Amino acid sequence: MFSKHIIRSVVLAGLLGLSACGYQPLYATRDDGSSVSQKLAEVSVVQQSTRVGQLIRNEIVLSTRPVGTQAQDRYYLKLDAKSDAQTLINTSDTVHRRLAYNLTTRFQLVDAATQNVLFSGKAFSRVPYDRLEASFANVQARVNAEEQAARQVGQEVRTRLAAFLATN
């Protein structure tokens, strides 16, 4: 059995090694005073023409530009959301069905000054939901699935943007 001193020494050595590798928390303030949060606040998200596109946009804006945040638009983010519903389980009586709402969003981060695409990618979400006989319940289940998928995609896009901006 290891003594407490050996375990403490190993943990301390590991922490010292980690600090030497240049690890830095994503949202930490850098030595020059900048932070990823400041860079995210400089991203303007283009208005969307669809409901699900607007839901994704709202999720990103709320997490990158909290109310009262003032920043110049150095970048803008273009989104292209596509969705569909897929039947997962279909019973013979058609009373109960299990569906999945699939949302795929392509995004591009564009430099506002040069119009160059700096970063692009794709985010995906799949949210299962049930379809029953009650029509209002079906509508609400679809709406809930759409909103949850948009939240997940918005969070993924924001995280990927943060990771990109942290390295540039």
Protein backbone atom coordinates (compact mmCIF):
# COMPACT_ATOMS: atom_id res chain seq x y z
CA MET A 1 0.00 0.00 0.00
CA PHE A 2 1.27 3.47 -0.88
CA SER A 3 1.97 5.96 1.83
CA LYS A 4 0.18 9.32 1.88
CA HIS A 5 3.47 11.09 1.17
CA ILE A 6 4.07 9.16 -2.04
CA ILE A 7 0.52 9.79 -3.26
CA ARG A 8 0.80 13.52 -2.50
CA SER A 9 4.15 13.67 -4.31
CA VAL A 10 2.72 12.00 -7.41
CA VAL A 11 -0.32 14.33 -7.45
CA LEU A 12 1.90 17.39 -6.98
CA ALA A 13 4.23 16.27 -9.78
CA GLY A 14 1.23 15.74 -12.05
CA LEU A 15 -0.13 19.23 -11.32
CA LEU A 16 3.27 20.80 -11.98
CA GLY A 17 3.52 18.90 -15.26
CA LEU A 18 0.06 20.08 -16.26
CA SER A 19 0.94 23.70 -15.58
CA ALA A 20 4.07 23.39 -17.73
CA CYS A 21 2.14 22.11 -20.77
CA GLY A 22 0.41 25.46 -21.32
CA TYR A 23 -3.04 24.32 -20.26
CA GLN A 24 -5.38 27.24 -19.77
CA PRO A 25 -9.10 27.17 -18.97
CA LEU A 26 -11.25 28.10 -21.98
CA TYR A 27 -13.00 31.07 -20.37
CA ALA A 28 -10.03 32.34 -18.32
CA THR A 29 -8.74 35.89 -18.69
CA ARG A 30 -5.44 35.86 -20.56
CA ASP A 31 -2.25 37.64 -19.49
CA ASP A 32 -2.99 40.44 -21.99
CA GLY A 33 -6.44 41.00 -20.40
CA SER A 34 -8.41 39.44 -23.24
CA SER A 35 -10.82 36.55 -22.84
CA VAL A 36 -12.88 34.23 -24.98
CA SER A 37 -16.01 35.80 -23.51
CA GLN A 38 -14.94 39.17 -24.92
CA LYS A 39 -14.25 37.65 -28.33
CA LEU A 40 -17.62 35.84 -28.34
CA ALA A 41 -19.34 39.16 -27.61
CA GLU A 42 -17.84 40.47 -30.88
CA VAL A 43 -19.76 37.88 -32.92
CA SER A 44 -22.99 39.09 -34.50
CA VAL A 45 -25.38 36.30 -35.49
CA VAL A 46 -27.20 36.88 -38.78
CA GLN A 47 -31.02 37.09 -38.56
CA GLN A 48 -32.78 33.87 -39.54
CA SER A 49 -35.85 33.36 -41.74
CA THR A 50 -37.10 30.14 -40.13
CA ARG A 51 -38.41 29.48 -36.61
CA VAL A 52 -35.79 26.84 -35.83
CA GLY A 53 -33.04 29.09 -37.21
CA GLN A 54 -34.23 31.90 -34.96
CA LEU A 55 -34.30 29.54 -31.96
CA ILE A 56 -30.66 28.58 -32.62
CA ARG A 57 -29.72 32.24 -33.09
CA ASN A 58 -31.41 33.19 -29.81
CA GLU A 59 -29.54 30.44 -27.92
CA ILE A 60 -26.19 31.65 -29.27
CA VAL A 61 -26.89 35.36 -28.70
CA LEU A 62 -28.14 34.82 -25.13
CA SER A 63 -24.97 32.96 -24.21
CA THR A 64 -22.45 35.18 -26.03
CA ARG A 65 -23.98 38.64 -25.62
CA PRO A 66 -25.85 38.80 -22.34
CA VAL A 67 -28.22 41.75 -21.95
CA GLY A 68 -26.21 44.92 -21.55
CA THR A 69 -23.06 43.60 -23.25
CA GLN A 70 -21.64 46.16 -25.64
CA ALA A 71 -19.07 45.11 -28.23
CA GLN A 72 -18.14 46.02 -31.77
CA ASP A 73 -19.09 43.42 -34.41
CA ARG A 74 -15.73 42.04 -35.56
CA TYR A 75 -17.27 38.82 -36.85
CA TYR A 76 -20.61 37.60 -38.01
CA LEU A 77 -21.98 34.09 -37.88
CA LYS A 78 -24.03 32.64 -40.72
CA LEU A 79 -26.34 29.70 -39.96
CA ASP A 80 -28.12 27.30 -42.29
CA ALA A 81 -30.50 24.98 -40.40
CA LYS A 82 -32.19 21.95 -41.97
CA SER A 83 -34.58 19.68 -40.11
CA ASP A 84 -36.72 16.60 -40.64
CA ALA A 85 -38.71 14.06 -38.67
CA GLN A 86 -37.94 10.37 -38.88
CA THR A 87 -40.19 7.52 -37.75
CA LEU A 88 -38.39 5.26 -35.29
CA ILE A 89 -41.25 2.97 -34.18
CA ASN A 90 -44.58 2.58 -35.94
CA THR A 91 -47.21 0.32 -34.36
CA SER A 92 -49.78 -1.48 -36.48
CA ASP A 93 -52.70 0.44 -34.94
CA THR A 94 -50.98 3.81 -35.76
CA VAL A 95 -52.05 5.11 -32.36
CA HIS A 96 -48.52 5.23 -30.97
CA ARG A 97 -45.47 6.19 -32.93
CA ARG A 98 -41.98 7.14 -31.89
CA LEU A 99 -40.41 9.86 -34.02
CA ALA A 100 -37.10 11.68 -34.00
CA TYR A 101 -36.63 15.35 -34.82
CA ASN A 102 -33.28 15.74 -36.61
CA LEU A 103 -31.63 19.15 -36.86
CA THR A 104 -28.46 19.78 -38.85
CA THR A 105 -26.96 23.25 -38.91
CA ARG A 106 -24.03 24.43 -40.98
CA PHE A 107 -22.29 27.55 -39.70
CA GLN A 108 -19.62 29.97 -40.90
CA LEU A 109 -17.72 32.56 -38.87
CA VAL A 110 -16.88 35.45 -41.17
CA ASP A 111 -14.47 38.33 -40.53
CA ALA A 112 -16.59 41.49 -40.90
CA ALA A 113 -13.67 43.57 -42.26
CA THR A 114 -12.31 41.18 -44.90
CA GLN A 115 -15.39 38.97 -45.53
CA ASN A 116 -13.11 35.91 -45.23
CA VAL A 117 -14.56 32.73 -43.74
CA LEU A 118 -12.41 32.06 -40.67
CA PHE A 119 -14.12 28.95 -39.33
CA SER A 120 -16.93 26.68 -40.46
CA GLY A 121 -18.54 23.50 -39.30
CA LYS A 122 -21.69 21.52 -38.79
CA ALA A 123 -23.70 20.79 -35.64
CA PHE A 124 -26.33 18.08 -35.28
CA SER A 125 -29.03 17.15 -32.79
CA ARG A 126 -31.54 14.30 -32.69
CA VAL A 127 -34.46 14.49 -30.24
CA PRO A 128 -36.95 11.61 -30.01
CA TYR A 129 -40.62 12.25 -29.22
CA ASP A 130 -43.94 10.37 -29.19
CA ARG A 131 -46.90 10.86 -31.48
CA LEU A 132 -50.31 9.98 -30.06
CA GLU A 133 -53.96 10.39 -31.06
CA ALA A 134 -54.38 13.81 -29.45
CA SER A 135 -53.52 16.41 -32.09
CA PHE A 136 -52.58 19.17 -29.60
CA ALA A 137 -50.23 16.79 -27.80
CA ASN A 138 -48.59 15.96 -31.14
CA VAL A 139 -48.07 19.62 -31.97
CA GLN A 140 -46.63 20.35 -28.52
CA ALA A 141 -44.35 17.29 -28.63
CA ARG A 142 -42.96 18.43 -31.99
CA VAL A 143 -42.47 22.00 -30.74
CA ASN A 144 -40.70 20.76 -27.60
CA ALA A 145 -38.41 18.52 -29.68
CA GLU A 146 -37.63 21.42 -32.02
CA GLU A 147 -36.80 23.75 -29.13
CA GLN A 148 -34.60 21.17 -27.39
CA ALA A 149 -32.73 20.41 -30.63
CA ALA A 150 -32.18 24.14 -31.27
CA ARG A 151 -30.85 24.58 -27.71
CA GLN A 152 -28.42 21.69 -28.15
CA VAL A 153 -27.20 22.89 -31.55
CA GLY A 154 -26.83 26.48 -30.30
CA GLN A 155 -24.75 25.32 -27.34
CA GLU A 156 -22.55 23.17 -29.57
CA VAL A 157 -21.95 26.01 -32.04
CA ARG A 158 -21.11 28.41 -29.19
CA THR A 159 -18.65 25.93 -27.65
CA ARG A 160 -16.95 25.30 -30.97
CA LEU A 161 -16.71 29.04 -31.64
CA ALA A 162 -15.21 29.57 -28.18
CA ALA A 163 -12.61 26.86 -28.80
CA PHE A 164 -11.72 28.41 -32.16
CA LEU A 165 -11.51 31.97 -30.82
CA ALA A 166 -9.39 30.82 -27.86
CA THR A 167 -6.68 29.66 -30.24
CA ASN A 168 -6.75 32.70 -32.55
